[in-house]
Structures are given as C-alpha cells and as structure tokens.
C-alpha cells in the first residue's frame, strides 16, 4: 500500500494459527513470514523474495489458505542492504 505524502496509511494484516500439535499459536501472517525470512536476507529484495517463497510453499502444501495470503511490495530501493549479517545455514 502507498499513501500520498502527509496522508495516513492503514494496514490491516490478518492473523492465522501456525504450528502443529501443542505448538499451535495465533500470529500475524506478515510478521510470521517476515521473521522466518529475515535470517537469510541481505537486502530488502532478498527479504521480500524469501517471504514470498515461504508463503508460496505453505500455500501449495495447504498450510496457508488463499484467504490469508498477503500481497507485499517494498516502496523504495530494494537493493538497500539490511542491517546485520545473513545467517549461514
């Protein structure tokens, strides 16, 4: 979403129950995937691609219903480096 300069931007992101068995917990969809993608990202573009990949994988496997899939994009320079060092796995 993009707002005009000086205008207010309202974001309404849904929650979903993630996990399995006793580990099930309601979380924000965007923050759940954003946190999972962050360790391997080194730019905003890589972070966004990681988020999209995780969402797509969970959607294909049936773990995330279509009604909860967010459409995200970064406004600005996506090549901007993120703070910190990517985690090597």
PDB file of N, CA and C in Angstrom:
ATOM      1  N   UNK A   1       0.844  -1.177   0.000  1.00  0.00           N
ATOM      2  CA  UNK A   1       0.000   0.000   0.000  1.00  0.00           C
ATOM      3  C   UNK A   1       0.884   1.232   0.000  1.00  0.00           C
ATOM      4  N   UNK A   2       0.401   2.257  -0.635  1.00  0.00           N
ATOM      5  CA  UNK A   2       1.150   3.501  -0.690  1.00  0.00           C
ATOM      6  C   UNK A   2       0.190   4.647  -0.428  1.00  0.00           C
ATOM      7  N   UNK A   3       0.601   5.566   0.421  1.00  0.00           N
ATOM      8  CA  UNK A   3      -0.231   6.727   0.748  1.00  0.00           C
ATOM      9  C   UNK A   3       0.402   7.972   0.156  1.00  0.00           C
ATOM     10  N   UNK A   4      -0.411   8.961  -0.141  1.00  0.00           N
ATOM     11  CA  UNK A   4       0.083  10.246  -0.601  1.00  0.00           C
ATOM     12  C   UNK A   4       0.866  10.913   0.524  1.00  0.00           C
ATOM     13  N   UNK A   5       1.847  11.777   0.179  1.00  0.00           N
ATOM     14  CA  UNK A   5       2.600  12.468   1.235  1.00  0.00           C
ATOM     15  C   UNK A   5       1.669  13.200   2.196  1.00  0.00           C
ATOM     16  N   UNK A   6       1.880  12.990   3.488  1.00  0.00           N
ATOM     17  CA  UNK A   6       1.062  13.625   4.513  1.00  0.00           C
ATOM     18  C   UNK A   6      -0.218  12.870   4.843  1.00  0.00           C
ATOM     19  N   UNK A   7      -0.562  11.858   4.050  1.00  0.00           N
ATOM     20  CA  UNK A   7      -1.776  11.084   4.312  1.00  0.00           C
ATOM     21  C   UNK A   7      -1.448   9.911   5.217  1.00  0.00           C
ATOM     22  N   UNK A   8      -2.454   9.433   5.910  1.00  0.00           N
ATOM     23  CA  UNK A   8      -2.273   8.299   6.803  1.00  0.00           C
ATOM     24  C   UNK A   8      -2.394   6.992   6.039  1.00  0.00           C
ATOM     25  N   UNK A   9      -1.578   6.042   6.384  1.00  0.00           N
ATOM     26  CA  UNK A   9      -1.624   4.721   5.770  1.00  0.00           C
ATOM     27  C   UNK A   9      -2.115   3.733   6.813  1.00  0.00           C
ATOM     28  N   UNK A  10      -3.130   2.985   6.463  1.00  0.00           N
ATOM     29  CA  UNK A  10      -3.669   1.982   7.367  1.00  0.00           C
ATOM     30  C   UNK A  10      -3.405   0.608   6.778  1.00  0.00           C
ATOM     31  N   UNK A  11      -2.801  -0.239   7.546  1.00  0.00           N
ATOM     32  CA  UNK A  11      -2.512  -1.596   7.106  1.00  0.00           C
ATOM     33  C   UNK A  11      -3.288  -2.560   7.998  1.00  0.00           C
ATOM     34  N   UNK A  12      -4.046  -3.416   7.383  1.00  0.00           N
ATOM     35  CA  UNK A  12      -4.790  -4.419   8.144  1.00  0.00           C
ATOM     36  C   UNK A  12      -4.302  -5.804   7.732  1.00  0.00           C
ATOM     37  N   UNK A  13      -3.431  -6.347   8.516  1.00  0.00           N
ATOM     38  CA  UNK A  13      -2.893  -7.683   8.240  1.00  0.00           C
ATOM     39  C   UNK A  13      -3.608  -8.682   9.131  1.00  0.00           C
ATOM     40  N   UNK A  14      -3.966  -9.796   8.551  1.00  0.00           N
ATOM     41  CA  UNK A  14      -4.700 -10.799   9.307  1.00  0.00           C
ATOM     42  C   UNK A  14      -3.813 -11.700  10.139  1.00  0.00           C
ATOM     43  N   UNK A  15      -4.430 -12.400  11.053  1.00  0.00           N
ATOM     44  CA  UNK A  15      -3.757 -13.403  11.869  1.00  0.00           C
ATOM     45  C   UNK A  15      -4.148 -14.781  11.373  1.00  0.00           C
ATOM     46  N   UNK A  16      -3.323 -15.750  11.717  1.00  0.00           N
ATOM     47  CA  UNK A  16      -3.607 -17.133  11.370  1.00  0.00           C
ATOM     48  C   UNK A  16      -2.972 -18.012  12.438  1.00  0.00           C
ATOM     49  N   UNK A  17      -3.485 -19.212  12.606  1.00  0.00           N
ATOM     50  CA  UNK A  17      -2.930 -20.143  13.592  1.00  0.00           C
ATOM     51  C   UNK A  17      -1.860 -20.980  12.904  1.00  0.00           C
ATOM     52  N   UNK A  18      -0.614 -20.823  13.349  1.00  0.00           N
ATOM     53  CA  UNK A  18       0.521 -21.548  12.785  1.00  0.00           C
ATOM     54  C   UNK A  18       0.997 -22.591  13.788  1.00  0.00           C
ATOM     55  N   UNK A  19       1.675 -23.603  13.280  1.00  0.00           N
ATOM     56  CA  UNK A  19       2.245 -24.629  14.132  1.00  0.00           C
ATOM     57  C   UNK A  19       1.501 -25.933  14.024  1.00  0.00           C
ATOM     58  N   UNK A  20       1.962 -26.888  14.812  1.00  0.00           N
ATOM     59  CA  UNK A  20       1.371 -28.216  14.789  1.00  0.00           C
ATOM     60  C   UNK A  20       1.244 -28.725  16.206  1.00  0.00           C
ATOM     61  N   UNK A  21       0.208 -29.485  16.465  1.00  0.00           N
ATOM     62  CA  UNK A  21       0.007 -30.089  17.777  1.00  0.00           C
ATOM     63  C   UNK A  21      -0.078 -29.057  18.888  1.00  0.00           C
ATOM     64  N   UNK A  22       0.714 -29.258  19.933  1.00  0.00           N
ATOM     65  CA  UNK A  22       0.703 -28.334  21.077  1.00  0.00           C
ATOM     66  C   UNK A  22       1.370 -26.999  20.765  1.00  0.00           C
ATOM     67  N   UNK A  23       2.124 -26.937  19.661  1.00  0.00           N
ATOM     68  CA  UNK A  23       2.829 -25.718  19.295  1.00  0.00           C
ATOM     69  C   UNK A  23       1.996 -24.735  18.495  1.00  0.00           C
ATOM     70  N   UNK A  24       0.697 -24.997  18.370  1.00  0.00           N
ATOM     71  CA  UNK A  24      -0.155 -24.104  17.577  1.00  0.00           C
ATOM     72  C   UNK A  24      -0.348 -22.776  18.304  1.00  0.00           C
ATOM     73  N   UNK A  25      -0.186 -21.689  17.529  1.00  0.00           N
ATOM     74  CA  UNK A  25      -0.299 -20.365  18.119  1.00  0.00           C
ATOM     75  C   UNK A  25      -0.769 -19.383  17.052  1.00  0.00           C
ATOM     76  N   UNK A  26      -1.659 -18.469  17.438  1.00  0.00           N
ATOM     77  CA  UNK A  26      -2.117 -17.439  16.514  1.00  0.00           C
ATOM     78  C   UNK A  26      -1.049 -16.358  16.396  1.00  0.00           C
ATOM     79  N   UNK A  27      -0.722 -16.006  15.149  1.00  0.00           N
ATOM     80  CA  UNK A  27       0.300 -14.991  14.894  1.00  0.00           C
ATOM     81  C   UNK A  27      -0.128 -14.138  13.705  1.00  0.00           C
ATOM     82  N   UNK A  28       0.479 -12.982  13.597  1.00  0.00           N
ATOM     83  CA  UNK A  28       0.253 -12.140  12.426  1.00  0.00           C
ATOM     84  C   UNK A  28       0.895 -12.786  11.209  1.00  0.00           C
ATOM     85  N   UNK A  29       0.158 -12.878  10.112  1.00  0.00           N
ATOM     86  CA  UNK A  29       0.663 -13.549   8.916  1.00  0.00           C
ATOM     87  C   UNK A  29       1.925 -12.863   8.395  1.00  0.00           C
ATOM     88  N   UNK A  30       1.888 -11.547   8.250  1.00  0.00           N
ATOM     89  CA  UNK A  30       3.041 -10.837   7.701  1.00  0.00           C
ATOM     90  C   UNK A  30       4.252 -10.972   8.617  1.00  0.00           C
ATOM     91  N   UNK A  31       4.081 -10.744   9.908  1.00  0.00           N
ATOM     92  CA  UNK A  31       5.225 -10.814  10.820  1.00  0.00           C
ATOM     93  C   UNK A  31       5.769 -12.235  10.938  1.00  0.00           C
ATOM     94  N   UNK A  32       4.920 -13.242  10.851  1.00  0.00           N
ATOM     95  CA  UNK A  32       5.362 -14.634  10.916  1.00  0.00           C
ATOM     96  C   UNK A  32       6.328 -14.946   9.767  1.00  0.00           C
ATOM     97  N   UNK A  33       5.928 -14.622   8.553  1.00  0.00           N
ATOM     98  CA  UNK A  33       6.780 -14.917   7.402  1.00  0.00           C
ATOM     99  C   UNK A  33       7.972 -13.971   7.318  1.00  0.00           C
ATOM    100  N   UNK A  34       7.787 -12.723   7.704  1.00  0.00           N
ATOM    101  CA  UNK A  34       8.896 -11.758   7.690  1.00  0.00           C
ATOM    102  C   UNK A  34      10.007 -12.209   8.638  1.00  0.00           C
ATOM    103  N   UNK A  35       9.646 -12.681   9.811  1.00  0.00           N
ATOM    104  CA  UNK A  35      10.639 -13.143  10.783  1.00  0.00           C
ATOM    105  C   UNK A  35      11.337 -14.408  10.292  1.00  0.00           C
ATOM    106  N   UNK A  36      10.596 -15.293   9.661  1.00  0.00           N
ATOM    107  CA  UNK A  36      11.204 -16.535   9.160  1.00  0.00           C
ATOM    108  C   UNK A  36      12.166 -16.278   8.007  1.00  0.00           C
ATOM    109  N   UNK A  37      11.914 -15.250   7.199  1.00  0.00           N
ATOM    110  CA  UNK A  37      12.756 -14.969   6.037  1.00  0.00           C
ATOM    111  C   UNK A  37      13.965 -14.104   6.378  1.00  0.00           C
ATOM    112  N   UNK A  38      13.929 -13.389   7.478  1.00  0.00           N
ATOM    113  CA  UNK A  38      14.980 -12.429   7.821  1.00  0.00           C
ATOM    114  C   UNK A  38      16.381 -13.034   7.970  1.00  0.00           C
ATOM    115  N   UNK A  39      16.562 -14.193   8.599  1.00  0.00           N
ATOM    116  CA  UNK A  39      17.921 -14.684   8.835  1.00  0.00           C
ATOM    117  C   UNK A  39      18.779 -14.858   7.581  1.00  0.00           C
ATOM    118  N   UNK A  40      18.178 -15.135   6.443  1.00  0.00           N
ATOM    119  CA  UNK A  40      18.957 -15.382   5.234  1.00  0.00           C
ATOM    120  C   UNK A  40      18.999 -14.189   4.283  1.00  0.00           C
ATOM    121  N   UNK A  41      18.324 -13.100   4.604  1.00  0.00           N
ATOM    122  CA  UNK A  41      18.233 -11.951   3.698  1.00  0.00           C
ATOM    123  C   UNK A  41      19.377 -10.969   3.917  1.00  0.00           C
ATOM    124  N   UNK A  42      19.846 -10.378   2.832  1.00  0.00           N
ATOM    125  CA  UNK A  42      20.879  -9.355   2.941  1.00  0.00           C
ATOM    126  C   UNK A  42      20.430  -8.025   2.337  1.00  0.00           C
ATOM    127  N   UNK A  43      19.321  -8.030   1.564  1.00  0.00           N
ATOM    128  CA  UNK A  43      18.718  -6.801   1.046  1.00  0.00           C
ATOM    129  C   UNK A  43      17.209  -6.905   1.222  1.00  0.00           C
ATOM    130  N   UNK A  44      16.534  -5.775   1.052  1.00  0.00           N
ATOM    131  CA  UNK A  44      15.073  -5.804   1.129  1.00  0.00           C
ATOM    132  C   UNK A  44      14.500  -6.701   0.034  1.00  0.00           C
ATOM    133  N   UNK A  45      15.114  -6.675  -1.142  1.00  0.00           N
ATOM    134  CA  UNK A  45      14.650  -7.512  -2.249  1.00  0.00           C
ATOM    135  C   UNK A  45      14.752  -8.993  -1.890  1.00  0.00           C
ATOM    136  N   UNK A  46      15.877  -9.393  -1.298  1.00  0.00           N
ATOM    137  CA  UNK A  46      16.058 -10.788  -0.888  1.00  0.00           C
ATOM    138  C   UNK A  46      15.086 -11.167   0.215  1.00  0.00           C
ATOM    139  N   UNK A  47      14.834 -10.235   1.129  1.00  0.00           N
ATOM    140  CA  UNK A  47      13.895 -10.487   2.222  1.00  0.00           C
ATOM    141  C   UNK A  47      12.489 -10.692   1.680  1.00  0.00           C
ATOM    142  N   UNK A  48      12.074  -9.816   0.768  1.00  0.00           N
ATOM    143  CA  UNK A  48      10.749  -9.932   0.166  1.00  0.00           C
ATOM    144  C   UNK A  48      10.612 -11.227  -0.627  1.00  0.00           C
ATOM    145  N   UNK A  49      11.666 -11.598  -1.362  1.00  0.00           N
ATOM    146  CA  UNK A  49      11.644 -12.854  -2.118  1.00  0.00           C
ATOM    147  C   UNK A  49      11.561 -14.050  -1.172  1.00  0.00           C
ATOM    148  N   UNK A  50      12.263 -13.978  -0.043  1.00  0.00           N
ATOM    149  CA  UNK A  50      12.192 -15.047   0.947  1.00  0.00           C
ATOM    150  C   UNK A  50      10.806 -15.187   1.546  1.00  0.00           C
ATOM    151  N   UNK A  51      10.191 -14.052   1.862  1.00  0.00           N
ATOM    152  CA  UNK A  51       8.826 -14.062   2.394  1.00  0.00           C
ATOM    153  C   UNK A  51       7.887 -14.701   1.377  1.00  0.00           C
ATOM    154  N   UNK A  52       7.976 -14.250   0.126  1.00  0.00           N
ATOM    155  CA  UNK A  52       7.104 -14.770  -0.932  1.00  0.00           C
ATOM    156  C   UNK A  52       7.297 -16.273  -1.125  1.00  0.00           C
ATOM    157  N   UNK A  53       8.553 -16.723  -1.071  1.00  0.00           N
ATOM    158  CA  UNK A  53       8.828 -18.152  -1.228  1.00  0.00           C
ATOM    159  C   UNK A  53       8.233 -18.993  -0.106  1.00  0.00           C
ATOM    160  N   UNK A  54       8.349 -18.506   1.119  1.00  0.00           N
ATOM    161  CA  UNK A  54       7.777 -19.234   2.267  1.00  0.00           C
ATOM    162  C   UNK A  54       6.249 -19.275   2.187  1.00  0.00           C
ATOM    163  N   UNK A  55       5.648 -18.149   1.813  1.00  0.00           N
ATOM    164  CA  UNK A  55       4.192 -18.093   1.684  1.00  0.00           C
ATOM    165  C   UNK A  55       3.731 -19.051   0.589  1.00  0.00           C
ATOM    166  N   UNK A  56       4.417 -19.019  -0.550  1.00  0.00           N
ATOM    167  CA  UNK A  56       4.051 -19.890  -1.670  1.00  0.00           C
ATOM    168  C   UNK A  56       4.170 -21.364  -1.291  1.00  0.00           C
ATOM    169  N   UNK A  57       5.234 -21.720  -0.604  1.00  0.00           N
ATOM    170  CA  UNK A  57       5.428 -23.115  -0.188  1.00  0.00           C
ATOM    171  C   UNK A  57       4.317 -23.566   0.756  1.00  0.00           C
ATOM    172  N   UNK A  58       3.962 -22.719   1.722  1.00  0.00           N
ATOM    173  CA  UNK A  58       2.897 -23.085   2.659  1.00  0.00           C
ATOM    174  C   UNK A  58       1.537 -23.109   1.970  1.00  0.00           C
ATOM    175  N   UNK A  59       1.328 -22.228   0.998  1.00  0.00           N
ATOM    176  CA  UNK A  59       0.064 -22.220   0.261  1.00  0.00           C
ATOM    177  C   UNK A  59      -0.068 -23.497  -0.574  1.00  0.00           C
ATOM    178  N   UNK A  60       1.017 -23.876  -1.263  1.00  0.00           N
ATOM    179  CA  UNK A  60       0.990 -25.096  -2.088  1.00  0.00           C
ATOM    180  C   UNK A  60       0.743 -26.347  -1.256  1.00  0.00           C
ATOM    181  N   UNK A  61       1.295 -26.365  -0.034  1.00  0.00           N
ATOM    182  CA  UNK A  61       1.148 -27.552   0.809  1.00  0.00           C
ATOM    183  C   UNK A  61      -0.170 -27.565   1.579  1.00  0.00           C
ATOM    184  N   UNK A  62      -0.937 -26.472   1.491  1.00  0.00           N
ATOM    185  CA  UNK A  62      -2.222 -26.411   2.189  1.00  0.00           C
ATOM    186  C   UNK A  62      -2.135 -25.892   3.608  1.00  0.00           C
ATOM    187  N   UNK A  63      -0.948 -25.445   4.031  1.00  0.00           N
ATOM    188  CA  UNK A  63      -0.791 -24.935   5.396  1.00  0.00           C
ATOM    189  C   UNK A  63      -1.275 -23.495   5.550  1.00  0.00           C
ATOM    190  N   UNK A  64      -1.422 -22.774   4.430  1.00  0.00           N
ATOM    191  CA  UNK A  64      -1.887 -21.395   4.480  1.00  0.00           C
ATOM    192  C   UNK A  64      -2.979 -21.221   3.428  1.00  0.00           C
ATOM    193  N   UNK A  65      -4.210 -20.923   3.864  1.00  0.00           N
ATOM    194  CA  UNK A  65      -5.300 -20.766   2.893  1.00  0.00           C
ATOM    195  C   UNK A  65      -5.136 -19.495   2.053  1.00  0.00           C
ATOM    196  N   UNK A  66      -5.670 -19.529   0.857  1.00  0.00           N
ATOM    197  CA  UNK A  66      -5.586 -18.397  -0.073  1.00  0.00           C
ATOM    198  C   UNK A  66      -6.106 -17.107   0.554  1.00  0.00           C
ATOM    199  N   UNK A  67      -7.093 -17.209   1.415  1.00  0.00           N
ATOM    200  CA  UNK A  67      -7.683 -16.012   2.042  1.00  0.00           C
ATOM    201  C   UNK A  67      -6.718 -15.286   2.969  1.00  0.00           C
ATOM    202  N   UNK A  68      -5.631 -15.928   3.351  1.00  0.00           N
ATOM    203  CA  UNK A  68      -4.673 -15.321   4.284  1.00  0.00           C
ATOM    204  C   UNK A  68      -3.337 -14.961   3.623  1.00  0.00           C
ATOM    205  N   UNK A  69      -3.259 -15.082   2.305  1.00  0.00           N
ATOM    206  CA  UNK A  69      -2.008 -14.776   1.599  1.00  0.00           C
ATOM    207  C   UNK A  69      -1.868 -13.268   1.394  1.00  0.00           C
ATOM    208  N   UNK A  70      -0.848 -12.654   1.984  1.00  0.00           N
ATOM    209  CA  UNK A  70      -0.662 -11.209   1.795  1.00  0.00           C
ATOM    210  C   UNK A  70       0.029 -10.909   0.460  1.00  0.00           C
ATOM    211  N   UNK A  71      -0.244  -9.741  -0.078  1.00  0.00           N
ATOM    212  CA  UNK A  71       0.441  -9.251  -1.277  1.00  0.00           C
ATOM    213  C   UNK A  71       1.343  -8.108  -0.825  1.00  0.00           C
ATOM    214  N   UNK A  72       2.633  -8.324  -0.834  1.00  0.00           N
ATOM    215  CA  UNK A  72       3.573  -7.349  -0.290  1.00  0.00           C
ATOM    216  C   UNK A  72       4.487  -6.801  -1.371  1.00  0.00           C
ATOM    217  N   UNK A  73       4.899  -5.551  -1.215  1.00  0.00           N
ATOM    218  CA  UNK A  73       5.955  -4.977  -2.035  1.00  0.00           C
ATOM    219  C   UNK A  73       6.630  -3.862  -1.250  1.00  0.00           C
ATOM    220  N   UNK A  74       7.892  -3.643  -1.566  1.00  0.00           N
ATOM    221  CA  UNK A  74       8.673  -2.615  -0.880  1.00  0.00           C
ATOM    222  C   UNK A  74       8.647  -1.353  -1.728  1.00  0.00           C
ATOM    223  N   UNK A  75       8.384  -0.221  -1.091  1.00  0.00           N
ATOM    224  CA  UNK A  75       8.456   1.066  -1.767  1.00  0.00           C
ATOM    225  C   UNK A  75       9.852   1.613  -1.565  1.00  0.00           C
ATOM    226  N   UNK A  76      10.545   1.926  -2.616  1.00  0.00           N
ATOM    227  CA  UNK A  76      11.905   2.443  -2.491  1.00  0.00           C
ATOM    228  C   UNK A  76      12.907   1.494  -3.103  1.00  0.00           C
ATOM    229  N   UNK A  77      14.160   1.693  -2.788  1.00  0.00           N
ATOM    230  CA  UNK A  77      15.259   0.927  -3.356  1.00  0.00           C
ATOM    231  C   UNK A  77      15.355  -0.439  -2.698  1.00  0.00           C
ATOM    232  N   UNK A  78      15.013  -1.473  -3.438  1.00  0.00           N
ATOM    233  CA  UNK A  78      15.025  -2.829  -2.867  1.00  0.00           C
ATOM    234  C   UNK A  78      16.439  -3.393  -2.734  1.00  0.00           C
ATOM    235  N   UNK A  79      17.430  -2.729  -3.310  1.00  0.00           N
ATOM    236  CA  UNK A  79      18.814  -3.196  -3.184  1.00  0.00           C
ATOM    237  C   UNK A  79      19.480  -2.685  -1.907  1.00  0.00           C
ATOM    238  N   UNK A  80      18.748  -1.894  -1.115  1.00  0.00           N
ATOM    239  CA  UNK A  80      19.295  -1.379   0.134  1.00  0.00           C
ATOM    240  C   UNK A  80      19.663  -2.533   1.060  1.00  0.00           C
ATOM    241  N   UNK A  81      20.893  -2.545   1.574  1.00  0.00           N
ATOM    242  CA  UNK A  81      21.291  -3.637   2.469  1.00  0.00           C
ATOM    243  C   UNK A  81      20.544  -3.586   3.805  1.00  0.00           C
ATOM    244  N   UNK A  82      20.267  -4.740   4.334  1.00  0.00           N
ATOM    245  CA  UNK A  82      19.664  -4.839   5.663  1.00  0.00           C
ATOM    246  C   UNK A  82      20.775  -4.789   6.699  1.00  0.00           C
ATOM    247  N   UNK A  83      20.437  -4.396   7.900  1.00  0.00           N
ATOM    248  CA  UNK A  83      21.400  -4.321   8.989  1.00  0.00           C
ATOM    249  C   UNK A  83      21.710  -5.738   9.469  1.00  0.00           C
ATOM    250  N   UNK A  84      22.971  -6.022   9.721  1.00  0.00           N
ATOM    251  CA  UNK A  84      23.362  -7.322  10.248  1.00  0.00           C
ATOM    252  C   UNK A  84      23.970  -8.208   9.180  1.00  0.00           C
ATOM    253  N   UNK A  85      24.206  -9.432   9.528  1.00  0.00           N
ATOM    254  CA  UNK A  85      24.839 -10.409   8.642  1.00  0.00           C
ATOM    255  C   UNK A  85      23.880 -11.576   8.461  1.00  0.00           C
ATOM    256  N   UNK A  86      23.639 -12.011   7.201  1.00  0.00           N
ATOM    257  CA  UNK A  86      22.764 -13.179   6.989  1.00  0.00           C
ATOM    258  C   UNK A  86      23.282 -14.396   7.738  1.00  0.00           C
ATOM    259  N   UNK A  87      22.372 -15.231   8.189  1.00  0.00           N
ATOM    260  CA  UNK A  87      22.726 -16.452   8.901  1.00  0.00           C
ATOM    261  C   UNK A  87      23.061 -17.531   7.892  1.00  0.00           C
ATOM    262  N   UNK A  88      24.211 -18.136   8.010  1.00  0.00           N
ATOM    263  CA  UNK A  88      24.598 -19.250   7.124  1.00  0.00           C
ATOM    264  C   UNK A  88      23.953 -20.528   7.640  1.00  0.00           C
ATOM    265  N   UNK A  89      23.310 -21.225   6.749  1.00  0.00           N
ATOM    266  CA  UNK A  89      22.659 -22.470   7.166  1.00  0.00           C
ATOM    267  C   UNK A  89      23.294 -23.654   6.502  1.00  0.00           C
TER     268      UNK A  89
END
